[in-house]
C-alpha atoms as a PDB file:
ATOM      1  CA  UNK A   1      55.275  21.620 -42.578  1.00  0.00           C
ATOM      2  CA  UNK A   2      55.445  23.614 -40.130  1.00  0.00           C
ATOM      3  CA  UNK A   3      57.818  23.802 -37.896  1.00  0.00           C
ATOM      4  CA  UNK A   4      57.617  26.038 -34.382  1.00  0.00           C
ATOM      5  CA  UNK A   5      60.149  28.797 -34.352  1.00  0.00           C
ATOM      6  CA  UNK A   6      60.943  28.050 -30.663  1.00  0.00           C
ATOM      7  CA  UNK A   7      61.452  24.215 -30.365  1.00  0.00           C
ATOM      8  CA  UNK A   8      62.503  21.682 -33.277  1.00  0.00           C
ATOM      9  CA  UNK A   9      58.725  20.606 -33.672  1.00  0.00           C
ATOM     10  CA  UNK A  10      58.059  19.605 -36.733  1.00  0.00           C
ATOM     11  CA  UNK A  11      54.199  19.307 -38.754  1.00  0.00           C
ATOM     12  CA  UNK A  12      54.353  16.856 -41.459  1.00  0.00           C
ATOM     13  CA  UNK A  13      51.301  16.066 -43.754  1.00  0.00           C
ATOM     14  CA  UNK A  14      50.597  14.364 -46.973  1.00  0.00           C
ATOM     15  CA  UNK A  15      54.062  13.978 -49.031  1.00  0.00           C
ATOM     16  CA  UNK A  16      56.681  14.949 -46.765  1.00  0.00           C
ATOM     17  CA  UNK A  17      54.397  12.699 -43.917  1.00  0.00           C
ATOM     18  CA  UNK A  18      54.437   9.804 -45.663  1.00  0.00           C
ATOM     19  CA  UNK A  19      58.269  10.589 -46.685  1.00  0.00           C
ATOM     20  CA  UNK A  20      58.374  10.536 -42.614  1.00  0.00           C
ATOM     21  CA  UNK A  21      57.118   6.730 -42.605  1.00  0.00           C
ATOM     22  CA  UNK A  22      59.155   5.143 -45.311  1.00  0.00           C
ATOM     23  CA  UNK A  23      62.133   6.519 -43.905  1.00  0.00           C
ATOM     24  CA  UNK A  24      61.593   6.488 -39.911  1.00  0.00           C
ATOM     25  CA  UNK A  25      60.124   2.544 -40.768  1.00  0.00           C
ATOM     26  CA  UNK A  26      62.793   1.408 -43.050  1.00  0.00           C
ATOM     27  CA  UNK A  27      65.229   2.015 -41.114  1.00  0.00           C
ATOM     28  CA  UNK A  28      63.788  -0.027 -37.996  1.00  0.00           C
ATOM     29  CA  UNK A  29      62.431  -2.732 -39.800  1.00  0.00           C
ATOM     30  CA  UNK A  30      60.748  -3.952 -36.319  1.00  0.00           C
ATOM     31  CA  UNK A  31      58.435  -2.477 -35.177  1.00  0.00           C
ATOM     32  CA  UNK A  32      55.964  -3.309 -32.037  1.00  0.00           C
ATOM     33  CA  UNK A  33      52.508  -3.431 -33.181  1.00  0.00           C
ATOM     34  CA  UNK A  34      49.638  -3.769 -31.245  1.00  0.00           C
ATOM     35  CA  UNK A  35      46.171  -4.569 -31.441  1.00  0.00           C
ATOM     36  CA  UNK A  36      43.041  -3.871 -29.252  1.00  0.00           C
ATOM     37  CA  UNK A  37      41.652  -6.764 -27.463  1.00  0.00           C
ATOM     38  CA  UNK A  38      38.715  -5.397 -26.063  1.00  0.00           C
ATOM     39  CA  UNK A  39      40.557  -4.412 -23.045  1.00  0.00           C
ATOM     40  CA  UNK A  40      43.699  -2.252 -22.248  1.00  0.00           C
ATOM     41  CA  UNK A  41      46.447  -1.971 -21.963  1.00  0.00           C
ATOM     42  CA  UNK A  42      47.635  -3.373 -26.204  1.00  0.00           C
ATOM     43  CA  UNK A  43      48.401  -6.710 -26.934  1.00  0.00           C
ATOM     44  CA  UNK A  44      51.745  -5.674 -28.599  1.00  0.00           C
ATOM     45  CA  UNK A  45      53.978  -8.561 -30.402  1.00  0.00           C
ATOM     46  CA  UNK A  46      57.356  -7.302 -33.144  1.00  0.00           C
ATOM     47  CA  UNK A  47      56.212  -7.637 -36.899  1.00  0.00           C
ATOM     48  CA  UNK A  48      58.654  -6.908 -39.541  1.00  0.00           C
ATOM     49  CA  UNK A  49      57.831  -4.796 -42.473  1.00  0.00           C
ATOM     50  CA  UNK A  50      57.527  -5.335 -45.683  1.00  0.00           C
ATOM     51  CA  UNK A  51      57.118  -2.041 -46.880  1.00  0.00           C
ATOM     52  CA  UNK A  52      55.866   1.459 -47.115  1.00  0.00           C
ATOM     53  CA  UNK A  53      54.161   2.706 -50.230  1.00  0.00           C
ATOM     54  CA  UNK A  54      54.058   6.164 -51.513  1.00  0.00           C
ATOM     55  CA  UNK A  55      50.730   6.898 -49.648  1.00  0.00           C
ATOM     56  CA  UNK A  56      52.580   6.331 -46.334  1.00  0.00           C
ATOM     57  CA  UNK A  57      50.740   3.161 -45.581  1.00  0.00           C
ATOM     58  CA  UNK A  58      52.517   0.523 -44.375  1.00  0.00           C
ATOM     59  CA  UNK A  59      52.875  -3.555 -45.137  1.00  0.00           C
ATOM     60  CA  UNK A  60      53.109  -6.743 -42.590  1.00  0.00           C
ATOM     61  CA  UNK A  61      52.660 -10.584 -43.551  1.00  0.00           C
ATOM     62  CA  UNK A  62      50.416 -11.730 -41.077  1.00  0.00           C
ATOM     63  CA  UNK A  63      49.004 -15.842 -40.184  1.00  0.00           C
ATOM     64  CA  UNK A  64      45.039 -15.626 -40.731  1.00  0.00           C
ATOM     65  CA  UNK A  65      44.191 -17.227 -37.333  1.00  0.00           C
ATOM     66  CA  UNK A  66      46.570 -15.188 -35.126  1.00  0.00           C
ATOM     67  CA  UNK A  67      45.363 -13.375 -32.262  1.00  0.00           C
ATOM     68  CA  UNK A  68      46.362 -10.134 -34.137  1.00  0.00           C
ATOM     69  CA  UNK A  69      44.754 -11.317 -37.372  1.00  0.00           C
ATOM     70  CA  UNK A  70      41.732 -12.218 -34.588  1.00  0.00           C
ATOM     71  CA  UNK A  71      41.835  -8.184 -33.101  1.00  0.00           C
ATOM     72  CA  UNK A  72      41.833  -6.412 -36.165  1.00  0.00           C
ATOM     73  CA  UNK A  73      38.506  -8.079 -37.292  1.00  0.00           C
ATOM     74  CA  UNK A  74      36.863  -6.874 -34.037  1.00  0.00           C
ATOM     75  CA  UNK A  75      39.085  -3.465 -33.789  1.00  0.00           C
ATOM     76  CA  UNK A  76      40.689  -2.412 -36.850  1.00  0.00           C
ATOM     77  CA  UNK A  77      42.522   0.678 -34.622  1.00  0.00           C
ATOM     78  CA  UNK A  78      46.236  -0.456 -34.390  1.00  0.00           C
ATOM     79  CA  UNK A  79      49.314   1.235 -32.925  1.00  0.00           C
ATOM     80  CA  UNK A  80      52.648   0.695 -34.546  1.00  0.00           C
ATOM     81  CA  UNK A  81      55.720   1.606 -32.191  1.00  0.00           C
ATOM     82  CA  UNK A  82      58.936   1.586 -34.512  1.00  0.00           C
ATOM     83  CA  UNK A  83      62.438   2.038 -33.175  1.00  0.00           C
ATOM     84  CA  UNK A  84      66.228   2.299 -34.566  1.00  0.00           C
ATOM     85  CA  UNK A  85      68.358   3.295 -31.342  1.00  0.00           C
ATOM     86  CA  UNK A  86      71.474   2.779 -33.702  1.00  0.00           C
ATOM     87  CA  UNK A  87      70.435   6.008 -35.783  1.00  0.00           C
ATOM     88  CA  UNK A  88      68.271   7.497 -32.773  1.00  0.00           C
ATOM     89  CA  UNK A  89      65.420   7.671 -34.761  1.00  0.00           C
ATOM     90  CA  UNK A  90      61.455   6.606 -32.921  1.00  0.00           C
ATOM     91  CA  UNK A  91      58.127   7.014 -34.453  1.00  0.00           C
ATOM     92  CA  UNK A  92      54.875   5.664 -33.477  1.00  0.00           C
ATOM     93  CA  UNK A  93      51.724   5.522 -35.779  1.00  0.00           C
ATOM     94  CA  UNK A  94      48.301   4.786 -35.358  1.00  0.00           C
ATOM     95  CA  UNK A  95      45.827   3.817 -37.435  1.00  0.00           C
ATOM     96  CA  UNK A  96      43.308   1.430 -39.400  1.00  0.00           C
ATOM     97  CA  UNK A  97      44.907  -1.730 -40.599  1.00  0.00           C
ATOM     98  CA  UNK A  98      42.789  -3.615 -43.158  1.00  0.00           C
ATOM     99  CA  UNK A  99      43.758  -7.356 -43.547  1.00  0.00           C
ATOM    100  CA  UNK A 100      43.544  -9.281 -47.258  1.00  0.00           C
ATOM    101  CA  UNK A 101      44.294 -12.408 -49.514  1.00  0.00           C
ATOM    102  CA  UNK A 102      44.779 -11.530 -51.621  1.00  0.00           C
ATOM    103  CA  UNK A 103      47.155 -13.115 -53.793  1.00  0.00           C
ATOM    104  CA  UNK A 104      49.118 -10.568 -55.864  1.00  0.00           C
ATOM    105  CA  UNK A 105      49.505  -9.454 -52.979  1.00  0.00           C
ATOM    106  CA  UNK A 106      50.649 -11.936 -51.198  1.00  0.00           C
ATOM    107  CA  UNK A 107      53.354 -12.420 -54.283  1.00  0.00           C
ATOM    108  CA  UNK A 108      54.431  -8.924 -53.848  1.00  0.00           C
ATOM    109  CA  UNK A 109      54.894  -8.739 -50.252  1.00  0.00           C
ATOM    110  CA  UNK A 110      56.247 -11.771 -49.824  1.00  0.00           C
ATOM    111  CA  UNK A 111      60.030 -12.636 -48.879  1.00  0.00           C
ATOM    112  CA  UNK A 112      62.367 -15.756 -48.576  1.00  0.00           C
ATOM    113  CA  UNK A 113      62.245 -15.087 -44.439  1.00  0.00           C
ATOM    114  CA  UNK A 114      58.608 -15.466 -44.639  1.00  0.00           C
ATOM    115  CA  UNK A 115      59.170 -19.175 -45.033  1.00  0.00           C
ATOM    116  CA  UNK A 116      60.114 -19.492 -41.731  1.00  0.00           C
ATOM    117  CA  UNK A 117      56.814 -18.410 -40.166  1.00  0.00           C
ATOM    118  CA  UNK A 118      54.315 -20.313 -43.384  1.00  0.00           C
ATOM    119  CA  UNK A 119      55.940 -23.432 -44.275  1.00  0.00           C
ATOM    120  CA  UNK A 120      54.430 -23.795 -47.623  1.00  0.00           C
ATOM    121  CA  UNK A 121      55.760 -20.421 -49.745  1.00  0.00           C
ATOM    122  CA  UNK A 122      53.446 -17.565 -50.699  1.00  0.00           C
ATOM    123  CA  UNK A 123      50.615 -20.132 -51.309  1.00  0.00           C
ATOM    124  CA  UNK A 124      50.303 -21.253 -47.624  1.00  0.00           C
ATOM    125  CA  UNK A 125      46.711 -21.101 -46.157  1.00  0.00           C
ATOM    126  CA  UNK A 126      47.766 -19.610 -43.260  1.00  0.00           C
ATOM    127  CA  UNK A 127      49.026 -15.892 -45.271  1.00  0.00           C
ATOM    128  CA  UNK A 128      47.502 -12.651 -45.372  1.00  0.00           C
ATOM    129  CA  UNK A 129      49.258  -8.935 -45.768  1.00  0.00           C
ATOM    130  CA  UNK A 130      48.020  -6.417 -43.288  1.00  0.00           C
ATOM    131  CA  UNK A 131      47.637  -2.991 -45.125  1.00  0.00           C
ATOM    132  CA  UNK A 132      47.820  -0.165 -42.034  1.00  0.00           C
ATOM    133  CA  UNK A 133      46.487   3.513 -43.105  1.00  0.00           C
ATOM    134  CA  UNK A 134      47.757   6.076 -40.427  1.00  0.00           C
ATOM    135  CA  UNK A 135      45.612   8.841 -39.102  1.00  0.00           C
ATOM    136  CA  UNK A 136      48.375   9.913 -37.027  1.00  0.00           C
ATOM    137  CA  UNK A 137      52.252   9.515 -35.878  1.00  0.00           C
ATOM    138  CA  UNK A 138      54.544  10.705 -33.581  1.00  0.00           C
ATOM    139  CA  UNK A 139      57.991  10.571 -34.343  1.00  0.00           C
ATOM    140  CA  UNK A 140      61.894  11.584 -32.632  1.00  0.00           C
ATOM    141  CA  UNK A 141      64.452  11.406 -35.008  1.00  0.00           C
ATOM    142  CA  UNK A 142      67.988  13.234 -34.935  1.00  0.00           C
ATOM    143  CA  UNK A 143      68.639  16.565 -36.725  1.00  0.00           C
ATOM    144  CA  UNK A 144      72.153  15.489 -37.743  1.00  0.00           C
ATOM    145  CA  UNK A 145      72.458  11.989 -37.220  1.00  0.00           C
ATOM    146  CA  UNK A 146      73.339  10.460 -34.062  1.00  0.00           C
ATOM    147  CA  UNK A 147      77.478  10.988 -33.896  1.00  0.00           C
ATOM    148  CA  UNK A 148      76.700  14.772 -33.759  1.00  0.00           C
ATOM    149  CA  UNK A 149      74.078  14.161 -32.028  1.00  0.00           C
ATOM    150  CA  UNK A 150      75.772  12.879 -29.345  1.00  0.00           C
ATOM    151  CA  UNK A 151      78.866  15.393 -29.678  1.00  0.00           C
ATOM    152  CA  UNK A 152      76.101  17.423 -28.985  1.00  0.00           C
ATOM    153  CA  UNK A 153      75.510  16.191 -25.602  1.00  0.00           C
ATOM    154  CA  UNK A 154      79.063  15.695 -24.159  1.00  0.00           C
ATOM    155  CA  UNK A 155      79.701  19.567 -25.103  1.00  0.00           C
ATOM    156  CA  UNK A 156      76.054  19.823 -23.525  1.00  0.00           C
ATOM    157  CA  UNK A 157      77.190  17.948 -20.188  1.00  0.00           C
ATOM    158  CA  UNK A 158      80.978  19.699 -20.174  1.00  0.00           C
ATOM    159  CA  UNK A 159      79.150  23.253 -20.183  1.00  0.00           C
ATOM    160  CA  UNK A 160      76.024  22.961 -18.680  1.00  0.00           C
ATOM    161  CA  UNK A 161      74.058  24.152 -21.498  1.00  0.00           C
ATOM    162  CA  UNK A 162      71.291  21.938 -23.774  1.00  0.00           C
ATOM    163  CA  UNK A 163      72.543  21.993 -27.238  1.00  0.00           C
ATOM    164  CA  UNK A 164      69.510  19.688 -28.907  1.00  0.00           C
ATOM    165  CA  UNK A 165      70.091  18.568 -32.496  1.00  0.00           C
ATOM    166  CA  UNK A 166      66.725  16.829 -32.259  1.00  0.00           C
ATOM    167  CA  UNK A 167      63.742  16.822 -34.247  1.00  0.00           C
ATOM    168  CA  UNK A 168      60.433  15.819 -33.295  1.00  0.00           C
ATOM    169  CA  UNK A 169      56.730  16.106 -34.684  1.00  0.00           C
ATOM    170  CA  UNK A 170      53.189  15.276 -35.844  1.00  0.00           C
ATOM    171  CA  UNK A 171      52.529  13.345 -38.997  1.00  0.00           C
ATOM    172  CA  UNK A 172      48.956  12.862 -40.624  1.00  0.00           C
ATOM    173  CA  UNK A 173      49.498  11.501 -43.632  1.00  0.00           C
END
């Protein structure tokens, strides 16, 4: 980890990056999952996070015949946008997605809520698992939590001085 002395910017890599990804992604639970359809802008849709592993890989369940899977089959590069406004935590990741229909992975990442989309359960032929391996990312976080950040903002508004308790930085697992 490297932090700049003149601001609150960190540059995380390796284990520290994977831990930050897990913390912020799991806190948000839902992301906007962006794929490239062959033209810009990205095609984005909300996706429920299944897990983040120790290496920082992000896991999702997805429909085999979905546009998302079709886009990934053509261009595996994706961008994920996580936001937890309640905690003032934000994360964007750019990486490569792979699609698997491995039974063990489907079982590992299956949740009862997934049955709302996959009516036949974990054996539904539509169920696939997407792994996104982040190549880079950027995050915005609060150093002392939302309550302290709000207090700092209020004090700054009253005094005319900026009191910044935010952290931000690059991520490269």
